[in-house]
Structure formats: structure tokens, C-alpha cells
Protein backbone atom coordinates (compact mmCIF):
# COMPACT_ATOMS: atom_id res chain seq x y z
CA MET A 1 -34.61 86.42 48.41
CA THR A 2 -38.06 86.59 50.66
CA GLU A 3 -39.48 90.81 51.70
CA HIS A 4 -39.28 90.95 55.90
CA PRO A 5 -41.87 90.14 57.48
CA ASN A 6 -42.27 93.97 59.23
CA ALA A 7 -41.39 94.68 55.56
CA ILE A 8 -44.98 93.28 54.60
CA LEU A 9 -46.71 94.37 57.47
CA ILE A 10 -45.91 97.26 56.47
CA ARG A 11 -46.92 97.66 53.09
CA SER A 12 -50.07 95.93 54.63
CA LEU A 13 -50.67 99.12 56.57
CA PHE A 14 -50.10 101.63 53.44
CA ALA A 15 -52.63 99.17 51.97
CA ALA A 16 -54.74 100.38 54.39
CA PHE A 17 -54.06 104.22 54.78
CA ARG A 18 -55.04 103.67 51.24
CA GLU A 19 -58.46 101.41 51.03
CA ARG A 20 -59.80 103.25 54.13
CA ASP A 21 -59.76 100.53 56.40
CA ILE A 22 -59.53 101.53 59.99
CA GLU A 23 -59.33 98.35 61.52
CA LYS A 24 -56.27 97.05 59.91
CA ILE A 25 -55.04 99.87 60.76
CA ARG A 26 -55.73 100.02 64.26
CA ASP A 27 -54.56 96.16 64.34
CA VAL A 28 -50.50 97.75 63.11
CA LEU A 29 -50.49 100.63 64.67
CA ALA A 30 -50.17 100.05 68.71
CA GLU A 31 -52.93 101.55 71.27
CA ASP A 32 -50.38 103.91 73.14
CA ALA A 33 -48.28 104.36 69.26
CA THR A 34 -46.66 108.25 68.72
CA TRP A 35 -46.76 109.69 64.60
CA HIS A 36 -45.10 112.72 64.30
CA PHE A 37 -45.02 115.14 61.27
CA PRO A 38 -42.54 117.83 61.04
CA GLY A 39 -43.95 121.72 60.90
CA LYS A 40 -43.68 124.40 62.66
CA ASP A 41 -46.86 125.97 60.75
CA GLY A 42 -48.73 123.44 59.88
CA LYS A 43 -52.46 122.28 60.38
CA LEU A 44 -50.55 118.54 61.33
CA ALA A 45 -47.69 119.25 62.78
CA GLY A 46 -46.68 117.63 65.86
CA ALA A 47 -46.25 114.91 68.05
CA HIS A 48 -49.65 112.30 67.84
CA LYS A 49 -50.15 109.96 70.64
CA GLY A 50 -52.59 107.42 71.13
CA HIS A 51 -54.69 106.08 68.18
CA ALA A 52 -57.30 108.75 69.01
CA GLU A 53 -54.84 111.61 68.28
CA ILE A 54 -52.87 109.21 65.72
CA PHE A 55 -57.11 108.73 63.83
CA SER A 56 -57.47 111.95 64.04
CA PHE A 57 -54.78 112.99 61.86
CA LEU A 58 -55.61 110.77 59.40
CA ALA A 59 -59.10 112.14 59.29
CA GLN A 60 -58.06 116.06 59.15
CA VAL A 61 -55.78 114.95 56.43
CA SER A 62 -59.16 113.62 54.55
CA GLN A 63 -60.89 116.54 55.63
CA LEU A 64 -58.07 119.28 55.09
CA THR A 65 -57.68 117.19 51.72
CA ASP A 66 -61.98 117.32 50.34
CA GLY A 67 -60.29 113.80 50.36
CA THR A 68 -58.24 114.25 47.53
CA PHE A 69 -54.79 112.94 49.76
CA GLU A 70 -53.03 109.86 47.94
CA LEU A 71 -49.96 107.78 48.31
CA ASP A 72 -47.95 106.53 46.32
CA LEU A 73 -45.48 103.47 48.49
CA GLU A 74 -41.95 103.28 46.27
CA GLU A 75 -39.98 101.08 48.63
CA VAL A 76 -40.24 99.61 52.32
CA LEU A 77 -36.81 98.77 53.58
CA ALA A 78 -37.81 96.34 56.92
CA ASN A 79 -35.49 94.04 60.26
CA ASP A 80 -36.42 92.94 63.21
CA HIS A 81 -36.96 96.93 65.03
CA TYR A 82 -37.69 99.09 61.95
CA ALA A 83 -38.41 100.03 59.41
CA VAL A 84 -38.14 102.74 56.60
CA VAL A 85 -40.69 104.02 54.17
CA PHE A 86 -40.43 106.21 51.16
CA PHE A 87 -43.46 107.28 49.82
CA ARG A 88 -44.40 110.36 47.75
CA GLY A 89 -47.96 111.93 49.79
CA HIS A 90 -50.34 113.97 47.10
CA ALA A 91 -53.06 116.35 47.22
CA GLN A 92 -54.69 119.77 47.06
CA ARG A 93 -55.59 121.81 48.83
CA LYS A 94 -57.35 125.91 48.35
CA GLY A 95 -55.62 126.10 45.46
CA ARG A 96 -52.25 124.29 46.17
CA HIS A 97 -51.04 120.64 44.98
CA LEU A 98 -48.22 118.87 47.57
CA ASP A 99 -46.27 116.51 45.33
CA ASN A 100 -44.38 115.64 48.72
CA PRO A 101 -41.06 113.15 48.23
CA THR A 102 -41.74 111.66 52.01
CA CYS A 103 -40.01 109.00 54.33
CA LEU A 104 -41.48 107.89 57.28
CA LYS A 105 -39.76 105.70 59.91
CA VAL A 106 -41.20 103.32 62.07
CA ARG A 107 -39.72 101.35 65.21
CA LEU A 108 -42.06 97.29 65.90
CA GLU A 109 -42.13 96.01 68.48
CA ASP A 110 -43.55 92.87 68.50
CA GLY A 111 -45.39 92.62 65.39
CA ARG A 112 -47.00 96.47 65.74
CA ALA A 113 -46.24 100.32 64.87
CA THR A 114 -45.18 101.67 67.88
CA GLU A 115 -42.87 105.38 67.02
CA LEU A 116 -43.76 107.45 63.08
CA LEU A 117 -41.25 109.63 62.02
CA GLU A 118 -42.23 111.80 59.03
CA PHE A 119 -39.57 113.53 57.31
CA VAL A 120 -40.81 115.78 53.89
CA TRP A 121 -38.09 117.18 51.36
CA ASP A 122 -39.48 120.29 50.87
CA LEU A 123 -41.06 121.02 54.84
CA PRO A 124 -40.85 124.81 53.90
CA SER A 125 -43.31 123.74 50.83
CA VAL A 126 -45.43 121.24 53.35
CA ASP A 127 -45.72 123.26 56.31
CA GLU A 128 -47.07 126.18 54.46
CA PHE A 129 -49.77 123.29 52.12
CA TRP A 130 -51.11 122.16 55.42
CA SER A 131 -50.68 125.81 57.31
């Protein structure tokens, strides 16, 4: 059985994150996409709308962790309208360590991600890490 094209698209997005391939990320994310990151006190918490805000959000991930943030992609499930991604985020920040199981729900339209909702296993720890 072959993998759904949207699963392949999302795998390419995660490869682009690892390679810091801004153009590929830009190609996959719709211009008006919104990335929702959970939390209350964390510096990354909130809705990041459009390319400018999303790329600022992604840059902050790297800046706040002195470039130590890494993703381990575990699985991608997809259909014509959605993808669900299971991954772990790892990083160091201010003497703290992040090892976070995460689920990302991605809404897709016309071959581009339009909405990304991030869910984390241990929200209080993640919020503290990013605060």
C-alpha cells in the first residue's frame, strides 16, 4: 500500500524543518496559515498567523534553545483533508531539558497546510520550558 500524498507532503515539511529549508517550508504552508502552539506563559504560546508570524515563531524556537531544538518524527497519518503527525521535540534551555511527545493536527487544502494545531503530552512542563 502506498502512502497518501498528504503524508508524503508532511514528511517533506519535517525534512525541511530539520534541514532549515525555508523555501520548502514556505511552499508547504499556505500564505495565510495559522499555527497554534499551546501554553499560557511560554514565549511561543498562541496563534501565529501568516508566513511572517510563523517564521518568527520557528526562528524563536531555534533562538531560545541556542539551536539545540531537534525533532524525531515518529509517524504521519493522512487523508485528503488532514494529517496527524506524532513526533518528539528535544532541546536544552536555561539548564532545562525538553523531551516532549507531541501531536500535530494539520488541515490541508489544495496541497498546502492551512492550520496547524500542536498538542503536547505534558503542557505544564512545556509551558515552563518556554517561559
